[in-house]
Amino acid sequence: MQDIFDTILGQLSPYRARLVAVSKTKPDSAVMALYSRGQRKFGENKVQELAPKYERLPKDIEWHMIGHLQRNKVRYIAPFVAMIESVDSLELLLEINKQGLKCDRAIPCLLQFHIAREETKFGLSLEEATAILRSEDYRKCRNVQVAGVMGMASFTENEAQVRQEFSQLREIFQTLKAGFFPDDPAFCEISMGMSSDYPVALEEGATLVRIGTLLFDGLSTK
């Protein structure tokens, strides 16, 4: 019998998008239930939850940091994190570069943009991101790999508004790709869409969707 995990993967497949299973607050057993079925990308909001899970769980899990990240916490995840999706300042990017240098790795990152009408969400404007990418400090970075963009739409039942916000993020991605990464195949990710709006995000060009509540609440124990 097909459950929500199979359903979501089936929906993602035509778009060649990938699932980041948002495992914040979920026990190890829930992570392993999906791991046993082939899921490898998991997303966490807090370093204090992510770091211990990394220690306890299989090392081939690709952990994504998707929550707001404080600079003083970067060092705890720099050795292993597969991607930091929530880069919202030059200062944070420079700290990630600093810790990446210590770990002798280039840490993949996404620039987070504020596309929602809600003021509570973090994120850059296109102008702020452009200033970062043009800065001399960024140009010196060798231990970060900017791989794309991330954003969260407004929490609303207005699908037209959500679609417009996702479309805006796709346009930001295209602008940055053309202006700064035209020959860089690694700059390829648009992370957008969560439990309530991921079908719209897929239609608007998402390559990564971050789904937690819908996925784990609907998971069968087969």
N, C-alpha and C. Protein backbone atom coordinates (compact mmCIF):
# COMPACT_ATOMS: atom_id res chain seq x y z
N MET A 1 0.84 -1.19 0.00
CA MET A 1 0.00 0.00 0.00
C MET A 1 0.88 1.26 0.00
N GLN A 2 0.58 2.16 -0.87
CA GLN A 2 1.37 3.39 -0.97
C GLN A 2 1.05 4.33 0.19
N ASP A 3 2.09 4.90 0.79
CA ASP A 3 1.86 5.88 1.85
C ASP A 3 2.38 7.23 1.40
N ILE A 4 2.42 8.18 2.31
CA ILE A 4 2.74 9.56 1.94
C ILE A 4 4.15 9.69 1.39
N PHE A 5 5.09 8.90 1.89
CA PHE A 5 6.48 8.96 1.39
C PHE A 5 6.52 8.60 -0.09
N ASP A 6 5.87 7.49 -0.44
CA ASP A 6 5.82 7.08 -1.85
C ASP A 6 5.11 8.13 -2.70
N THR A 7 4.03 8.68 -2.15
CA THR A 7 3.26 9.68 -2.88
C THR A 7 4.10 10.91 -3.19
N ILE A 8 4.81 11.41 -2.18
CA ILE A 8 5.64 12.60 -2.37
C ILE A 8 6.75 12.34 -3.39
N LEU A 9 7.41 11.20 -3.26
CA LEU A 9 8.47 10.88 -4.22
C LEU A 9 7.92 10.80 -5.64
N GLY A 10 6.70 10.25 -5.76
CA GLY A 10 6.08 10.18 -7.07
C GLY A 10 5.77 11.55 -7.65
N GLN A 11 5.40 12.49 -6.77
CA GLN A 11 5.12 13.85 -7.21
C GLN A 11 6.39 14.60 -7.60
N LEU A 12 7.49 14.31 -6.91
CA LEU A 12 8.75 14.98 -7.20
C LEU A 12 9.40 14.48 -8.49
N SER A 13 9.19 13.22 -8.80
CA SER A 13 9.91 12.56 -9.89
C SER A 13 9.82 13.27 -11.24
N PRO A 14 8.64 13.71 -11.69
CA PRO A 14 8.58 14.36 -13.00
C PRO A 14 9.38 15.67 -13.07
N TYR A 15 9.58 16.28 -11.92
CA TYR A 15 10.31 17.55 -11.86
C TYR A 15 11.80 17.36 -11.56
N ARG A 16 12.19 16.12 -11.31
CA ARG A 16 13.57 15.78 -10.93
C ARG A 16 14.00 16.55 -9.68
N ALA A 17 13.04 16.84 -8.82
CA ALA A 17 13.33 17.50 -7.55
C ALA A 17 13.61 16.44 -6.49
N ARG A 18 14.30 16.87 -5.43
CA ARG A 18 14.66 15.93 -4.36
C ARG A 18 14.04 16.38 -3.04
N LEU A 19 13.83 15.40 -2.20
CA LEU A 19 13.17 15.61 -0.91
C LEU A 19 14.19 15.80 0.19
N VAL A 20 14.03 16.89 0.95
CA VAL A 20 14.72 17.05 2.23
C VAL A 20 13.69 16.77 3.31
N ALA A 21 13.84 15.66 4.00
CA ALA A 21 12.89 15.28 5.05
C ALA A 21 13.22 16.07 6.31
N VAL A 22 12.32 16.94 6.72
CA VAL A 22 12.58 17.83 7.86
C VAL A 22 12.31 17.06 9.15
N SER A 23 13.39 16.69 9.81
CA SER A 23 13.31 15.78 10.96
C SER A 23 13.43 16.49 12.29
N LYS A 24 13.28 17.81 12.31
CA LYS A 24 13.37 18.55 13.58
C LYS A 24 12.32 18.01 14.56
N THR A 25 12.76 17.84 15.79
CA THR A 25 11.95 17.32 16.91
C THR A 25 11.57 15.85 16.76
N LYS A 26 11.94 15.22 15.66
CA LYS A 26 11.57 13.82 15.45
C LYS A 26 12.62 12.90 16.07
N PRO A 27 12.20 11.77 16.64
CA PRO A 27 13.15 10.84 17.25
C PRO A 27 13.98 10.11 16.20
N ASP A 28 15.07 9.53 16.65
CA ASP A 28 15.94 8.77 15.75
C ASP A 28 15.17 7.67 15.02
N SER A 29 14.20 7.06 15.68
CA SER A 29 13.45 5.96 15.08
C SER A 29 12.68 6.43 13.84
N ALA A 30 12.17 7.67 13.88
CA ALA A 30 11.45 8.21 12.73
C ALA A 30 12.41 8.47 11.57
N VAL A 31 13.60 8.99 11.88
CA VAL A 31 14.62 9.19 10.84
C VAL A 31 15.00 7.85 10.22
N MET A 32 15.21 6.85 11.06
CA MET A 32 15.64 5.55 10.55
C MET A 32 14.54 4.85 9.76
N ALA A 33 13.28 5.14 10.07
CA ALA A 33 12.19 4.55 9.28
C ALA A 33 12.27 5.02 7.83
N LEU A 34 12.61 6.29 7.62
CA LEU A 34 12.78 6.79 6.26
C LEU A 34 14.12 6.37 5.67
N TYR A 35 15.14 6.36 6.50
CA TYR A 35 16.47 5.93 6.04
C TYR A 35 16.40 4.51 5.47
N SER A 36 15.66 3.64 6.13
CA SER A 36 15.56 2.24 5.71
C SER A 36 14.87 2.11 4.36
N ARG A 37 14.16 3.18 3.96
CA ARG A 37 13.48 3.16 2.66
C ARG A 37 14.23 3.98 1.61
N GLY A 38 15.46 4.38 1.94
CA GLY A 38 16.32 5.01 0.95
C GLY A 38 16.48 6.51 1.08
N GLN A 39 15.77 7.14 2.00
CA GLN A 39 15.91 8.59 2.14
C GLN A 39 17.25 8.93 2.79
N ARG A 40 17.95 9.90 2.22
CA ARG A 40 19.26 10.27 2.77
C ARG A 40 19.36 11.75 3.13
N LYS A 41 18.56 12.62 2.54
CA LYS A 41 18.63 14.04 2.87
C LYS A 41 17.65 14.36 4.00
N PHE A 42 18.17 14.89 5.10
CA PHE A 42 17.35 15.27 6.24
C PHE A 42 17.70 16.70 6.64
N GLY A 43 16.69 17.45 7.05
CA GLY A 43 16.88 18.85 7.42
C GLY A 43 16.58 19.11 8.88
N GLU A 44 17.42 19.92 9.51
CA GLU A 44 17.25 20.29 10.92
C GLU A 44 17.29 21.81 11.06
N ASN A 45 16.57 22.31 12.07
CA ASN A 45 16.48 23.75 12.30
C ASN A 45 17.49 24.27 13.32
N LYS A 46 17.93 23.39 14.22
CA LYS A 46 18.76 23.85 15.33
C LYS A 46 20.03 23.01 15.43
N VAL A 47 21.15 23.71 15.62
CA VAL A 47 22.44 23.04 15.74
C VAL A 47 22.45 22.08 16.92
N GLN A 48 21.82 22.48 18.03
CA GLN A 48 21.85 21.64 19.23
C GLN A 48 21.08 20.34 19.05
N GLU A 49 20.25 20.25 18.04
CA GLU A 49 19.58 18.99 17.72
C GLU A 49 20.30 18.26 16.59
N LEU A 50 20.83 19.03 15.65
CA LEU A 50 21.50 18.43 14.50
C LEU A 50 22.78 17.71 14.87
N ALA A 51 23.64 18.36 15.66
CA ALA A 51 24.95 17.76 15.97
C ALA A 51 24.84 16.41 16.68
N PRO A 52 23.98 16.27 17.70
CA PRO A 52 23.85 14.96 18.34
C PRO A 52 23.26 13.90 17.41
N LYS A 53 22.34 14.29 16.55
CA LYS A 53 21.78 13.31 15.62
C LYS A 53 22.86 12.81 14.66
N TYR A 54 23.72 13.71 14.23
CA TYR A 54 24.83 13.29 13.37
C TYR A 54 25.68 12.24 14.06
N GLU A 55 25.95 12.44 15.33
CA GLU A 55 26.80 11.51 16.07
C GLU A 55 26.15 10.14 16.20
N ARG A 56 24.83 10.12 16.37
CA ARG A 56 24.13 8.86 16.65
C ARG A 56 23.74 8.07 15.41
N LEU A 57 23.51 8.74 14.31
CA LEU A 57 22.87 8.12 13.15
C LEU A 57 23.87 7.83 12.03
N PRO A 58 23.46 7.06 11.02
CA PRO A 58 24.40 6.64 9.96
C PRO A 58 25.10 7.82 9.30
N LYS A 59 26.37 7.60 9.00
CA LYS A 59 27.20 8.70 8.50
C LYS A 59 26.99 9.02 7.03
N ASP A 60 26.18 8.23 6.33
CA ASP A 60 25.91 8.60 4.94
C ASP A 60 24.65 9.46 4.82
N ILE A 61 24.06 9.85 5.94
CA ILE A 61 22.97 10.83 5.89
C ILE A 61 23.53 12.19 5.49
N GLU A 62 22.84 12.86 4.59
CA GLU A 62 23.23 14.20 4.15
C GLU A 62 22.40 15.21 4.95
N TRP A 63 23.01 15.81 5.96
CA TRP A 63 22.30 16.72 6.84
C TRP A 63 22.27 18.13 6.26
N HIS A 64 21.08 18.71 6.17
CA HIS A 64 20.90 20.09 5.72
C HIS A 64 20.51 20.95 6.92
N MET A 65 21.24 22.04 7.12
CA MET A 65 20.85 23.03 8.14
C MET A 65 19.89 24.00 7.47
N ILE A 66 18.62 24.01 7.92
CA ILE A 66 17.61 24.81 7.23
C ILE A 66 17.08 25.95 8.10
N GLY A 67 17.47 25.99 9.38
CA GLY A 67 17.01 27.04 10.27
C GLY A 67 17.99 28.20 10.36
N HIS A 68 17.57 29.26 11.01
CA HIS A 68 18.44 30.42 11.21
C HIS A 68 19.70 29.99 11.97
N LEU A 69 20.84 30.35 11.45
CA LEU A 69 22.11 29.87 11.99
C LEU A 69 22.92 31.04 12.57
N GLN A 70 23.28 30.91 13.83
CA GLN A 70 24.14 31.91 14.48
C GLN A 70 25.59 31.60 14.17
N ARG A 71 26.37 32.65 14.00
CA ARG A 71 27.78 32.46 13.61
C ARG A 71 28.55 31.61 14.62
N ASN A 72 28.25 31.77 15.90
CA ASN A 72 29.02 31.03 16.91
C ASN A 72 28.66 29.55 16.97
N LYS A 73 27.68 29.13 16.18
CA LYS A 73 27.30 27.71 16.15
C LYS A 73 27.85 26.98 14.92
N VAL A 74 28.41 27.72 13.99
CA VAL A 74 28.84 27.11 12.72
C VAL A 74 29.87 26.02 12.96
N ARG A 75 30.77 26.25 13.90
CA ARG A 75 31.87 25.30 14.10
C ARG A 75 31.40 23.91 14.50
N TYR A 76 30.22 23.81 15.08
CA TYR A 76 29.73 22.51 15.54
C TYR A 76 29.24 21.63 14.40
N ILE A 77 28.91 22.22 13.26
CA ILE A 77 28.39 21.43 12.15
C ILE A 77 29.30 21.46 10.91
N ALA A 78 30.28 22.36 10.92
CA ALA A 78 31.14 22.53 9.74
C ALA A 78 31.83 21.25 9.27
N PRO A 79 32.24 20.34 10.17
CA PRO A 79 32.96 19.16 9.69
C PRO A 79 32.10 18.20 8.86
N PHE A 80 30.78 18.25 9.03
CA PHE A 80 29.97 17.20 8.40
C PHE A 80 28.75 17.68 7.62
N VAL A 81 28.29 18.90 7.84
CA VAL A 81 27.01 19.30 7.24
C VAL A 81 27.09 19.24 5.71
N ALA A 82 26.05 18.68 5.08
CA ALA A 82 26.05 18.54 3.63
C ALA A 82 25.71 19.84 2.94
N MET A 83 24.85 20.65 3.59
CA MET A 83 24.48 21.94 3.02
C MET A 83 23.91 22.84 4.11
N ILE A 84 24.29 24.10 4.08
CA ILE A 84 23.68 25.12 4.93
C ILE A 84 22.77 25.94 4.03
N GLU A 85 21.46 25.80 4.23
CA GLU A 85 20.50 26.42 3.32
C GLU A 85 20.11 27.84 3.73
N SER A 86 20.59 28.30 4.88
CA SER A 86 20.03 29.51 5.48
C SER A 86 21.06 30.63 5.65
N VAL A 87 21.87 30.87 4.62
CA VAL A 87 22.86 31.94 4.69
C VAL A 87 22.18 33.27 4.38
N ASP A 88 22.14 34.16 5.38
CA ASP A 88 21.41 35.41 5.22
C ASP A 88 22.25 36.65 5.51
N SER A 89 23.58 36.49 5.51
CA SER A 89 24.45 37.66 5.69
C SER A 89 25.86 37.33 5.22
N LEU A 90 26.62 38.37 4.88
CA LEU A 90 28.02 38.19 4.53
C LEU A 90 28.80 37.68 5.72
N GLU A 91 28.48 38.18 6.91
CA GLU A 91 29.20 37.76 8.12
C GLU A 91 29.07 36.27 8.35
N LEU A 92 27.87 35.73 8.14
CA LEU A 92 27.68 34.29 8.31
C LEU A 92 28.46 33.53 7.25
N LEU A 93 28.43 34.00 6.02
CA LEU A 93 29.16 33.33 4.94
C LEU A 93 30.66 33.30 5.23
N LEU A 94 31.18 34.38 5.76
CA LEU A 94 32.61 34.44 6.08
C LEU A 94 32.96 33.49 7.22
N GLU A 95 32.06 33.35 8.18
CA GLU A 95 32.31 32.41 9.28
C GLU A 95 32.27 30.97 8.77
N ILE A 96 31.35 30.68 7.88
CA ILE A 96 31.30 29.34 7.28
C ILE A 96 32.59 29.06 6.52
N ASN A 97 33.08 30.05 5.79
CA ASN A 97 34.34 29.90 5.07
C ASN A 97 35.49 29.64 6.04
N LYS A 98 35.52 30.38 7.14
CA LYS A 98 36.56 30.22 8.15
C LYS A 98 36.56 28.80 8.73
N GLN A 99 35.37 28.30 9.05
CA GLN A 99 35.28 26.96 9.63
C GLN A 99 35.53 25.88 8.57
N GLY A 100 35.13 26.16 7.34
CA GLY A 100 35.42 25.23 6.25
C GLY A 100 36.91 25.08 6.02
N LEU A 101 37.64 26.19 6.15
CA LEU A 101 39.09 26.15 6.02
C LEU A 101 39.71 25.25 7.09
N LYS A 102 39.21 25.38 8.32
CA LYS A 102 39.72 24.55 9.42
C LYS A 102 39.46 23.07 9.18
N CYS A 103 38.36 22.78 8.49
CA CYS A 103 38.00 21.38 8.22
C CYS A 103 38.50 20.89 6.88
N ASP A 104 39.18 21.78 6.14
CA ASP A 104 39.72 21.45 4.82
C ASP A 104 38.62 20.97 3.87
N ARG A 105 37.52 21.73 3.83
CA ARG A 105 36.44 21.41 2.90
C ARG A 105 35.73 22.69 2.48
N ALA A 106 35.10 22.64 1.31
CA ALA A 106 34.24 23.73 0.85
C ALA A 106 32.82 23.36 1.19
N ILE A 107 32.18 24.15 2.02
CA ILE A 107 30.85 23.81 2.53
C ILE A 107 29.78 24.37 1.59
N PRO A 108 28.93 23.51 1.04
CA PRO A 108 27.86 23.98 0.16
C PRO A 108 26.84 24.83 0.94
N CYS A 109 26.42 25.94 0.34
CA CYS A 109 25.50 26.86 0.99
C CYS A 109 24.46 27.35 -0.01
N LEU A 110 23.31 27.71 0.53
CA LEU A 110 22.30 28.42 -0.25
C LEU A 110 22.09 29.79 0.37
N LEU A 111 21.87 30.79 -0.46
CA LEU A 111 21.53 32.12 0.02
C LEU A 111 20.03 32.16 0.29
N GLN A 112 19.66 32.54 1.50
CA GLN A 112 18.25 32.59 1.87
C GLN A 112 17.67 33.97 1.57
N PHE A 113 16.53 33.97 0.88
CA PHE A 113 15.88 35.23 0.49
C PHE A 113 14.55 35.41 1.20
N HIS A 114 14.27 36.66 1.51
CA HIS A 114 13.00 37.01 2.14
C HIS A 114 12.00 37.28 1.02
N ILE A 115 11.15 36.28 0.73
CA ILE A 115 10.16 36.43 -0.34
C ILE A 115 8.75 36.56 0.21
N ALA A 116 8.55 36.23 1.47
CA ALA A 116 7.22 36.28 2.08
C ALA A 116 6.87 37.71 2.48
N ARG A 117 5.58 37.95 2.65
CA ARG A 117 5.13 39.26 3.13
C ARG A 117 5.21 39.35 4.65
N GLU A 118 5.47 38.22 5.29
CA GLU A 118 5.58 38.21 6.75
C GLU A 118 6.97 38.72 7.16
N GLU A 119 7.00 39.64 8.06
CA GLU A 119 8.27 40.24 8.48
C GLU A 119 9.08 39.33 9.40
N THR A 120 8.46 38.26 9.90
CA THR A 120 9.14 37.40 10.86
C THR A 120 10.17 36.50 10.22
N LYS A 121 10.13 36.35 8.91
CA LYS A 121 11.05 35.44 8.24
C LYS A 121 12.38 36.12 7.95
N PHE A 122 13.45 35.34 8.02
CA PHE A 122 14.79 35.83 7.72
C PHE A 122 15.01 35.82 6.21
N GLY A 123 16.05 36.53 5.78
CA GLY A 123 16.43 36.41 4.38
C GLY A 123 16.92 37.71 3.78
N LEU A 124 17.64 37.56 2.68
CA LEU A 124 18.24 38.67 1.95
C LEU A 124 17.27 39.24 0.92
N SER A 125 17.56 40.44 0.49
CA SER A 125 16.96 40.99 -0.73
C SER A 125 17.94 40.72 -1.88
N LEU A 126 17.46 40.86 -3.10
CA LEU A 126 18.35 40.67 -4.25
C LEU A 126 19.51 41.67 -4.20
N GLU A 127 19.22 42.88 -3.77
CA GLU A 127 20.25 43.91 -3.69
C GLU A 127 21.33 43.53 -2.67
N GLU A 128 20.90 43.00 -1.53
CA GLU A 128 21.85 42.59 -0.50
C GLU A 128 22.70 41.42 -0.98
N ALA A 129 22.07 40.47 -1.65
CA ALA A 129 22.83 39.32 -2.16
C ALA A 129 23.84 39.75 -3.22
N THR A 130 23.43 40.65 -4.08
CA THR A 130 24.33 41.15 -5.11
C THR A 130 25.54 41.83 -4.48
N ALA A 131 25.30 42.61 -3.43
CA ALA A 131 26.41 43.29 -2.74
C ALA A 131 27.37 42.27 -2.13
N ILE A 132 26.83 41.20 -1.57
CA ILE A 132 27.68 40.14 -1.00
C ILE A 132 28.56 39.52 -2.09
N LEU A 133 27.95 39.14 -3.19
CA LEU A 133 28.67 38.43 -4.24
C LEU A 133 29.68 39.32 -4.98
N ARG A 134 29.47 40.63 -4.89
CA ARG A 134 30.42 41.56 -5.50
C ARG A 134 31.54 41.96 -4.54
N SER A 135 31.41 41.61 -3.28
CA SER A 135 32.35 42.09 -2.27
C SER A 135 33.71 41.41 -2.39
N GLU A 136 34.72 42.13 -2.02
CA GLU A 136 36.08 41.58 -2.02
C GLU A 136 36.20 40.45 -1.02
N ASP A 137 35.52 40.56 0.11
CA ASP A 137 35.56 39.50 1.13
C ASP A 137 35.04 38.18 0.57
N TYR A 138 33.92 38.23 -0.13
CA TYR A 138 33.37 37.00 -0.70
C TYR A 138 34.32 36.42 -1.76
N ARG A 139 34.89 37.28 -2.57
CA ARG A 139 35.76 36.79 -3.64
C ARG A 139 36.99 36.06 -3.11
N LYS A 140 37.35 36.33 -1.88
CA LYS A 140 38.50 35.65 -1.27
C LYS A 140 38.12 34.29 -0.69
N CYS A 141 36.82 34.01 -0.58
CA CYS A 141 36.38 32.76 0.04
C CYS A 141 36.70 31.56 -0.86
N ARG A 142 37.33 30.58 -0.26
CA ARG A 142 37.65 29.35 -0.99
C ARG A 142 37.01 28.12 -0.34
N ASN A 143 36.39 28.30 0.80
CA ASN A 143 35.86 27.15 1.53
C ASN A 143 34.35 27.21 1.73
N VAL A 144 33.70 27.97 0.87
CA VAL A 144 32.24 27.90 0.74
C VAL A 144 31.92 27.72 -0.74
N GLN A 145 30.83 27.02 -0.98
CA GLN A 145 30.36 26.83 -2.36
C GLN A 145 28.91 27.27 -2.40
N VAL A 146 28.66 28.44 -2.95
CA VAL A 146 27.29 28.93 -3.07
C VAL A 146 26.61 28.14 -4.18
N ALA A 147 25.59 27.36 -3.79
CA ALA A 147 25.01 26.38 -4.72
C ALA A 147 23.60 26.75 -5.16
N GLY A 148 23.08 27.90 -4.71
CA GLY A 148 21.74 28.27 -5.12
C GLY A 148 21.04 29.13 -4.10
N VAL A 149 19.71 29.04 -4.09
CA VAL A 149 18.90 29.94 -3.27
C VAL A 149 17.86 29.15 -2.48
N MET A 150 17.39 29.76 -1.41
CA MET A 150 16.33 29.17 -0.58
C MET A 150 15.37 30.27 -0.16
N GLY A 151 14.10 29.90 0.02
CA GLY A 151 13.13 30.86 0.51
C GLY A 151 11.88 30.17 1.02
N MET A 152 11.14 30.90 1.83
CA MET A 152 9.87 30.42 2.38
C MET A 152 8.76 31.37 1.99
N ALA A 153 7.69 30.83 1.43
CA ALA A 153 6.54 31.64 1.06
C ALA A 153 5.73 32.01 2.29
N SER A 154 4.84 32.97 2.12
CA SER A 154 3.93 33.36 3.21
C SER A 154 3.06 32.17 3.61
N PHE A 155 2.72 32.10 4.89
CA PHE A 155 1.82 31.05 5.37
C PHE A 155 0.39 31.54 5.15
N THR A 156 -0.15 31.19 4.01
CA THR A 156 -1.46 31.69 3.62
C THR A 156 -2.13 30.67 2.71
N GLU A 157 -3.46 30.71 2.67
CA GLU A 157 -4.20 29.85 1.75
C GLU A 157 -4.36 30.48 0.38
N ASN A 158 -3.81 31.67 0.21
CA ASN A 158 -3.88 32.37 -1.07
C ASN A 158 -2.82 31.79 -2.02
N GLU A 159 -3.25 30.85 -2.85
CA GLU A 159 -2.29 30.15 -3.71
C GLU A 159 -1.63 31.09 -4.71
N ALA A 160 -2.36 32.09 -5.18
CA ALA A 160 -1.79 33.03 -6.15
C ALA A 160 -0.63 33.80 -5.54
N GLN A 161 -0.77 34.17 -4.27
CA GLN A 161 0.31 34.88 -3.59
C GLN A 161 1.53 33.99 -3.41
N VAL A 162 1.28 32.75 -2.97
CA VAL A 162 2.37 31.79 -2.79
C VAL A 162 3.10 31.55 -4.11
N ARG A 163 2.34 31.39 -5.17
CA ARG A 163 2.95 31.16 -6.49
C ARG A 163 3.80 32.35 -6.92
N GLN A 164 3.30 33.55 -6.66
CA GLN A 164 4.06 34.74 -7.02
C GLN A 164 5.37 34.81 -6.25
N GLU A 165 5.35 34.42 -4.98
CA GLU A 165 6.56 34.46 -4.17
C GLU A 165 7.57 33.41 -4.63
N PHE A 166 7.10 32.23 -4.97
CA PHE A 166 8.00 31.21 -5.50
C PHE A 166 8.57 31.62 -6.86
N SER A 167 7.73 32.23 -7.67
CA SER A 167 8.19 32.73 -8.98
C SER A 167 9.27 33.79 -8.79
N GLN A 168 9.09 34.62 -7.78
CA GLN A 168 10.09 35.65 -7.48
C GLN A 168 11.43 35.02 -7.12
N LEU A 169 11.39 33.93 -6.33
CA LEU A 169 12.65 33.27 -5.96
C LEU A 169 13.32 32.65 -7.17
N ARG A 170 12.53 32.06 -8.05
CA ARG A 170 13.11 31.50 -9.28
C ARG A 170 13.77 32.59 -10.11
N GLU A 171 13.14 33.74 -10.19
CA GLU A 171 13.72 34.85 -10.95
C GLU A 171 15.01 35.36 -10.31
N ILE A 172 15.05 35.38 -8.98
CA ILE A 172 16.28 35.75 -8.26
C ILE A 172 17.40 34.76 -8.61
N PHE A 173 17.06 33.47 -8.58
CA PHE A 173 18.04 32.45 -8.94
C PHE A 173 18.58 32.70 -10.35
N GLN A 174 17.68 32.96 -11.29
CA GLN A 174 18.10 33.16 -12.68
C GLN A 174 18.98 34.40 -12.83
N THR A 175 18.65 35.45 -12.08
CA THR A 175 19.45 36.68 -12.12
C THR A 175 20.86 36.43 -11.59
N LEU A 176 20.95 35.74 -10.46
CA LEU A 176 22.26 35.47 -9.87
C LEU A 176 23.06 34.50 -10.74
N LYS A 177 22.38 33.51 -11.30
CA LYS A 177 23.05 32.55 -12.18
C LYS A 177 23.69 33.27 -13.36
N ALA A 178 22.92 34.15 -13.99
CA ALA A 178 23.43 34.86 -15.16
C ALA A 178 24.52 35.85 -14.79
N GLY A 179 24.39 36.49 -13.63
CA GLY A 179 25.31 37.55 -13.27
C GLY A 179 26.60 37.09 -12.60
N PHE A 180 26.53 35.96 -11.87
CA PHE A 180 27.69 35.57 -11.07
C PHE A 180 28.15 34.12 -11.27
N PHE A 181 27.26 33.24 -11.75
CA PHE A 181 27.61 31.82 -11.84
C PHE A 181 27.29 31.22 -13.21
N PRO A 182 27.49 31.93 -14.29
CA PRO A 182 27.06 31.42 -15.60
C PRO A 182 27.74 30.12 -16.00
N ASP A 183 28.96 29.92 -15.54
CA ASP A 183 29.72 28.73 -15.93
C ASP A 183 29.96 27.78 -14.77
N ASP A 184 29.14 27.92 -13.72
CA ASP A 184 29.32 27.09 -12.53
C ASP A 184 28.15 26.12 -12.39
N PRO A 185 28.33 24.85 -12.78
CA PRO A 185 27.22 23.89 -12.70
C PRO A 185 26.77 23.62 -11.27
N ALA A 186 27.62 23.94 -10.28
CA ALA A 186 27.24 23.71 -8.89
C ALA A 186 26.15 24.67 -8.42
N PHE A 187 26.02 25.82 -9.07
CA PHE A 187 24.96 26.77 -8.71
C PHE A 187 23.70 26.34 -9.45
N CYS A 188 22.92 25.47 -8.79
CA CYS A 188 21.81 24.81 -9.49
C CYS A 188 20.58 24.58 -8.63
N GLU A 189 20.61 24.99 -7.36
CA GLU A 189 19.54 24.61 -6.44
C GLU A 189 18.57 25.75 -6.14
N ILE A 190 17.28 25.42 -6.16
CA ILE A 190 16.23 26.31 -5.68
C ILE A 190 15.46 25.53 -4.62
N SER A 191 15.71 25.84 -3.37
CA SER A 191 15.07 25.13 -2.26
C SER A 191 13.85 25.93 -1.83
N MET A 192 12.67 25.41 -2.14
CA MET A 192 11.43 26.08 -1.74
C MET A 192 10.30 25.06 -1.74
N GLY A 193 9.31 25.32 -0.89
CA GLY A 193 8.18 24.41 -0.77
C GLY A 193 8.26 23.58 0.48
N MET A 194 7.15 23.61 1.25
CA MET A 194 7.05 22.81 2.47
C MET A 194 5.74 22.03 2.43
N SER A 195 5.34 21.47 3.55
CA SER A 195 4.19 20.56 3.56
C SER A 195 2.96 21.16 2.91
N SER A 196 2.71 22.45 3.16
CA SER A 196 1.45 23.05 2.72
C SER A 196 1.49 23.58 1.29
N ASP A 197 2.68 23.75 0.72
CA ASP A 197 2.74 24.44 -0.58
C ASP A 197 3.72 23.83 -1.58
N TYR A 198 4.26 22.66 -1.30
CA TYR A 198 5.29 22.13 -2.18
C TYR A 198 4.81 21.83 -3.60
N PRO A 199 3.52 21.44 -3.83
CA PRO A 199 3.11 21.23 -5.22
C PRO A 199 3.25 22.50 -6.08
N VAL A 200 2.95 23.65 -5.49
CA VAL A 200 3.11 24.92 -6.21
C VAL A 200 4.59 25.19 -6.44
N ALA A 201 5.41 24.93 -5.43
CA ALA A 201 6.85 25.14 -5.55
C ALA A 201 7.43 24.31 -6.69
N LEU A 202 6.99 23.08 -6.82
CA LEU A 202 7.47 22.23 -7.90
C LEU A 202 7.13 22.83 -9.26
N GLU A 203 5.91 23.33 -9.39
CA GLU A 203 5.50 23.93 -10.66
C GLU A 203 6.32 25.18 -10.97
N GLU A 204 6.83 25.85 -9.93
CA GLU A 204 7.59 27.08 -10.12
C GLU A 204 9.10 26.86 -10.17
N GLY A 205 9.55 25.61 -10.15
CA GLY A 205 10.96 25.35 -10.40
C GLY A 205 11.80 24.85 -9.24
N ALA A 206 11.18 24.42 -8.16
CA ALA A 206 11.95 23.91 -7.03
C ALA A 206 12.79 22.70 -7.43
N THR A 207 14.02 22.66 -6.93
CA THR A 207 14.86 21.47 -7.09
C THR A 207 14.96 20.69 -5.78
N LEU A 208 14.71 21.38 -4.67
CA LEU A 208 14.67 20.76 -3.34
C LEU A 208 13.39 21.22 -2.65
N VAL A 209 12.67 20.30 -2.03
CA VAL A 209 11.52 20.67 -1.21
C VAL A 209 11.77 20.16 0.21
N ARG A 210 11.33 20.95 1.19
CA ARG A 210 11.59 20.65 2.59
C ARG A 210 10.27 20.29 3.26
N ILE A 211 10.07 18.99 3.49
CA ILE A 211 8.77 18.52 3.99
C ILE A 211 8.98 17.77 5.30
N GLY A 212 8.23 18.17 6.32
CA GLY A 212 8.33 17.54 7.63
C GLY A 212 7.01 17.01 8.13
N THR A 213 6.12 17.90 8.55
CA THR A 213 4.86 17.51 9.20
C THR A 213 4.06 16.52 8.36
N LEU A 214 3.79 16.86 7.12
CA LEU A 214 3.00 16.00 6.23
C LEU A 214 3.65 14.63 6.09
N LEU A 215 4.96 14.63 5.95
CA LEU A 215 5.69 13.39 5.70
C LEU A 215 5.66 12.47 6.92
N PHE A 216 6.09 12.99 8.07
CA PHE A 216 6.23 12.13 9.24
C PHE A 216 4.88 11.76 9.85
N ASP A 217 3.92 12.67 9.79
CA ASP A 217 2.60 12.35 10.33
C ASP A 217 1.87 11.32 9.50
N GLY A 218 2.20 11.26 8.20
CA GLY A 218 1.52 10.33 7.33
C GLY A 218 2.30 9.08 6.99
N LEU A 219 3.42 8.89 7.66
CA LEU A 219 4.30 7.76 7.35
C LEU A 219 3.75 6.46 7.93
N SER A 220 3.66 5.45 7.10
CA SER A 220 3.23 4.14 7.60
C SER A 220 4.42 3.43 8.22
N THR A 221 4.17 2.45 9.02
CA THR A 221 5.24 1.70 9.68
C THR A 221 5.43 0.34 9.03
N LYS A 222 5.18 0.28 7.73
CA LYS A 222 5.33 -1.00 7.05
C LYS A 222 6.79 -1.43 7.00
